[in-house]
Amino acid sequence: MPAALIPLIAFLLRMLIVKIIIATGLTFVSFAGYIVALNKFKEYF
């Protein structure tokens, strides 16, 4: 493997990891928001 490819691969891996973290965070936030909205909805009825 040429040494020039190593930084590129490291960069792509970092981008992938960041995207996974962001996607997980967004899923968690929307899930928490869904639960909060559901609880608020129950209070009205």
PDB file of N, CA and C in Angstrom:
ATOM      1  N   MET A   1       0.855  -1.203   0.000  1.00  0.00           N
ATOM      2  CA  MET A   1       0.000   0.000   0.000  1.00  0.00           C
ATOM      3  C   MET A   1       0.891   1.254   0.000  1.00  0.00           C
ATOM      4  N   PRO A   2       0.693   2.142  -0.972  1.00  0.00           N
ATOM      5  CA  PRO A   2       1.509   3.367  -1.006  1.00  0.00           C
ATOM      6  C   PRO A   2       1.231   4.247   0.211  1.00  0.00           C
ATOM      7  N   ALA A   3       2.269   4.890   0.711  1.00  0.00           N
ATOM      8  CA  ALA A   3       2.147   5.736   1.899  1.00  0.00           C
ATOM      9  C   ALA A   3       1.195   6.901   1.665  1.00  0.00           C
ATOM     10  N   ALA A   4       1.044   7.342   0.414  1.00  0.00           N
ATOM     11  CA  ALA A   4       0.175   8.481   0.094  1.00  0.00           C
ATOM     12  C   ALA A   4      -1.294   8.161   0.352  1.00  0.00           C
ATOM     13  N   LEU A   5      -1.653   6.885   0.308  1.00  0.00           N
ATOM     14  CA  LEU A   5      -3.055   6.501   0.501  1.00  0.00           C
ATOM     15  C   LEU A   5      -3.468   6.501   1.974  1.00  0.00           C
ATOM     16  N   ILE A   6      -2.505   6.367   2.876  1.00  0.00           N
ATOM     17  CA  ILE A   6      -2.819   6.238   4.302  1.00  0.00           C
ATOM     18  C   ILE A   6      -3.563   7.459   4.854  1.00  0.00           C
ATOM     19  N   PRO A   7      -3.112   8.698   4.600  1.00  0.00           N
ATOM     20  CA  PRO A   7      -3.879   9.852   5.103  1.00  0.00           C
ATOM     21  C   PRO A   7      -5.281   9.930   4.514  1.00  0.00           C
ATOM     22  N   LEU A   8      -5.413   9.566   3.248  1.00  0.00           N
ATOM     23  CA  LEU A   8      -6.726   9.588   2.589  1.00  0.00           C
ATOM     24  C   LEU A   8      -7.671   8.597   3.257  1.00  0.00           C
ATOM     25  N   ILE A   9      -7.174   7.390   3.513  1.00  0.00           N
ATOM     26  CA  ILE A   9      -7.993   6.358   4.161  1.00  0.00           C
ATOM     27  C   ILE A   9      -8.365   6.790   5.582  1.00  0.00           C
ATOM     28  N   ALA A  10      -7.397   7.381   6.301  1.00  0.00           N
ATOM     29  CA  ALA A  10      -7.665   7.863   7.658  1.00  0.00           C
ATOM     30  C   ALA A  10      -8.741   8.946   7.635  1.00  0.00           C
ATOM     31  N   PHE A  11      -8.658   9.843   6.643  1.00  0.00           N
ATOM     32  CA  PHE A  11      -9.647  10.918   6.510  1.00  0.00           C
ATOM     33  C   PHE A  11     -11.032  10.349   6.223  1.00  0.00           C
ATOM     34  N   LEU A  12     -11.107   9.381   5.308  1.00  0.00           N
ATOM     35  CA  LEU A  12     -12.395   8.775   4.959  1.00  0.00           C
ATOM     36  C   LEU A  12     -12.993   8.038   6.154  1.00  0.00           C
ATOM     37  N   LEU A  13     -12.147   7.344   6.909  1.00  0.00           N
ATOM     38  CA  LEU A  13     -12.623   6.639   8.108  1.00  0.00           C
ATOM     39  C   LEU A  13     -13.173   7.624   9.128  1.00  0.00           C
ATOM     40  N   ARG A  14     -12.446   8.751   9.297  1.00  0.00           N
ATOM     41  CA  ARG A  14     -12.890   9.759  10.255  1.00  0.00           C
ATOM     42  C   ARG A  14     -14.242  10.326   9.836  1.00  0.00           C
ATOM     43  N   MET A  15     -14.404  10.625   8.549  1.00  0.00           N
ATOM     44  CA  MET A  15     -15.672  11.148   8.039  1.00  0.00           C
ATOM     45  C   MET A  15     -16.805  10.158   8.302  1.00  0.00           C
ATOM     46  N   LEU A  16     -16.517   8.872   8.067  1.00  0.00           N
ATOM     47  CA  LEU A  16     -17.515   7.822   8.266  1.00  0.00           C
ATOM     48  C   LEU A  16     -17.925   7.744   9.737  1.00  0.00           C
ATOM     49  N   ILE A  17     -16.925   7.775  10.634  1.00  0.00           N
ATOM     50  CA  ILE A  17     -17.202   7.698  12.070  1.00  0.00           C
ATOM     51  C   ILE A  17     -18.024   8.897  12.527  1.00  0.00           C
ATOM     52  N   VAL A  18     -17.656  10.091  12.036  1.00  0.00           N
ATOM     53  CA  VAL A  18     -18.400  11.307  12.394  1.00  0.00           C
ATOM     54  C   VAL A  18     -19.850  11.200  11.921  1.00  0.00           C
ATOM     55  N   LYS A  19     -20.044  10.702  10.697  1.00  0.00           N
ATOM     56  CA  LYS A  19     -21.407  10.548  10.164  1.00  0.00           C
ATOM     57  C   LYS A  19     -22.216   9.571  11.001  1.00  0.00           C
ATOM     58  N   ILE A  20     -21.584   8.473  11.433  1.00  0.00           N
ATOM     59  CA  ILE A  20     -22.272   7.478  12.261  1.00  0.00           C
ATOM     60  C   ILE A  20     -22.664   8.098  13.606  1.00  0.00           C
ATOM     61  N   ILE A  21     -21.732   8.871  14.209  1.00  0.00           N
ATOM     62  CA  ILE A  21     -22.013   9.516  15.501  1.00  0.00           C
ATOM     63  C   ILE A  21     -23.161  10.509  15.363  1.00  0.00           C
ATOM     64  N   ILE A  22     -23.133  11.315  14.290  1.00  0.00           N
ATOM     65  CA  ILE A  22     -24.195  12.304  14.067  1.00  0.00           C
ATOM     66  C   ILE A  22     -25.540  11.607  13.849  1.00  0.00           C
ATOM     67  N   ALA A  23     -25.541  10.538  13.039  1.00  0.00           N
ATOM     68  CA  ALA A  23     -26.778   9.804  12.763  1.00  0.00           C
ATOM     69  C   ALA A  23     -27.338   9.198  14.051  1.00  0.00           C
ATOM     70  N   THR A  24     -26.462   8.628  14.879  1.00  0.00           N
ATOM     71  CA  THR A  24     -26.887   8.039  16.150  1.00  0.00           C
ATOM     72  C   THR A  24     -27.451   9.112  17.071  1.00  0.00           C
ATOM     73  N   GLY A  25     -26.766  10.257  17.129  1.00  0.00           N
ATOM     74  CA  GLY A  25     -27.222  11.372  17.956  1.00  0.00           C
ATOM     75  C   GLY A  25     -28.583  11.876  17.520  1.00  0.00           C
ATOM     76  N   LEU A  26     -28.767  12.028  16.199  1.00  0.00           N
ATOM     77  CA  LEU A  26     -30.044  12.515  15.679  1.00  0.00           C
ATOM     78  C   LEU A  26     -31.161  11.522  15.966  1.00  0.00           C
ATOM     79  N   THR A  27     -30.865  10.233  15.824  1.00  0.00           N
ATOM     80  CA  THR A  27     -31.862   9.197  16.103  1.00  0.00           C
ATOM     81  C   THR A  27     -32.264   9.246  17.572  1.00  0.00           C
ATOM     82  N   PHE A  28     -31.261   9.387  18.455  1.00  0.00           N
ATOM     83  CA  PHE A  28     -31.525   9.442  19.896  1.00  0.00           C
ATOM     84  C   PHE A  28     -32.353  10.673  20.257  1.00  0.00           C
ATOM     85  N   VAL A  29     -31.985  11.822  19.679  1.00  0.00           N
ATOM     86  CA  VAL A  29     -32.701  13.074  19.970  1.00  0.00           C
ATOM     87  C   VAL A  29     -34.147  12.994  19.488  1.00  0.00           C
ATOM     88  N   SER A  30     -34.356  12.480  18.268  1.00  0.00           N
ATOM     89  CA  SER A  30     -35.717  12.398  17.736  1.00  0.00           C
ATOM     90  C   SER A  30     -36.541  11.376  18.525  1.00  0.00           C
ATOM     91  N   PHE A  31     -35.894  10.297  18.987  1.00  0.00           N
ATOM     92  CA  PHE A  31     -36.572   9.286  19.791  1.00  0.00           C
ATOM     93  C   PHE A  31     -36.993   9.876  21.139  1.00  0.00           C
ATOM     94  N   ALA A  32     -36.073  10.633  21.770  1.00  0.00           N
ATOM     95  CA  ALA A  32     -36.374  11.289  23.047  1.00  0.00           C
ATOM     96  C   ALA A  32     -37.488  12.318  22.853  1.00  0.00           C
ATOM     97  N   GLY A  33     -37.424  13.070  21.761  1.00  0.00           N
ATOM     98  CA  GLY A  33     -38.457  14.062  21.451  1.00  0.00           C
ATOM     99  C   GLY A  33     -39.812  13.400  21.245  1.00  0.00           C
ATOM    100  N   TYR A  34     -39.807  12.225  20.615  1.00  0.00           N
ATOM    101  CA  TYR A  34     -41.036  11.472  20.376  1.00  0.00           C
ATOM    102  C   TYR A  34     -41.665  11.046  21.702  1.00  0.00           C
ATOM    103  N   ILE A  35     -40.826  10.569  22.636  1.00  0.00           N
ATOM    104  CA  ILE A  35     -41.321  10.138  23.950  1.00  0.00           C
ATOM    105  C   ILE A  35     -41.891  11.328  24.727  1.00  0.00           C
ATOM    106  N   VAL A  36     -41.179  12.465  24.697  1.00  0.00           N
ATOM    107  CA  VAL A  36     -41.650  13.670  25.393  1.00  0.00           C
ATOM    108  C   VAL A  36     -42.983  14.128  24.808  1.00  0.00           C
ATOM    109  N   ALA A  37     -43.089  14.136  23.479  1.00  0.00           N
ATOM    110  CA  ALA A  37     -44.321  14.550  22.813  1.00  0.00           C
ATOM    111  C   ALA A  37     -45.467  13.606  23.183  1.00  0.00           C
ATOM    112  N   LEU A  38     -45.161  12.318  23.269  1.00  0.00           N
ATOM    113  CA  LEU A  38     -46.171  11.323  23.626  1.00  0.00           C
ATOM    114  C   LEU A  38     -46.676  11.565  25.050  1.00  0.00           C
ATOM    115  N   ASN A  39     -45.759  11.857  25.973  1.00  0.00           N
ATOM    116  CA  ASN A  39     -46.145  12.141  27.358  1.00  0.00           C
ATOM    117  C   ASN A  39     -46.984  13.408  27.448  1.00  0.00           C
ATOM    118  N   LYS A  40     -46.617  14.442  26.709  1.00  0.00           N
ATOM    119  CA  LYS A  40     -47.390  15.691  26.694  1.00  0.00           C
ATOM    120  C   LYS A  40     -48.784  15.425  26.116  1.00  0.00           C
ATOM    121  N   PHE A  41     -48.835  14.593  25.080  1.00  0.00           N
ATOM    122  CA  PHE A  41     -50.097  14.250  24.431  1.00  0.00           C
ATOM    123  C   PHE A  41     -51.023  13.527  25.408  1.00  0.00           C
ATOM    124  N   LYS A  42     -50.457  12.621  26.232  1.00  0.00           N
ATOM    125  CA  LYS A  42     -51.244  11.881  27.229  1.00  0.00           C
ATOM    126  C   LYS A  42     -51.810  12.815  28.293  1.00  0.00           C
ATOM    127  N   GLU A  43     -51.058  13.874  28.643  1.00  0.00           N
ATOM    128  CA  GLU A  43     -51.517  14.804  29.679  1.00  0.00           C
ATOM    129  C   GLU A  43     -52.779  15.552  29.261  1.00  0.00           C
ATOM    130  N   TYR A  44     -52.952  15.766  27.961  1.00  0.00           N
ATOM    131  CA  TYR A  44     -54.117  16.511  27.478  1.00  0.00           C
ATOM    132  C   TYR A  44     -55.394  15.683  27.547  1.00  0.00           C
ATOM    133  N   PHE A  45     -55.242  14.353  27.529  1.00  0.00           N
ATOM    134  CA  PHE A  45     -56.424  13.485  27.527  1.00  0.00           C
ATOM    135  C   PHE A  45     -56.563  12.698  28.823  1.00  0.00           C
TER     136      PHE A  45
END
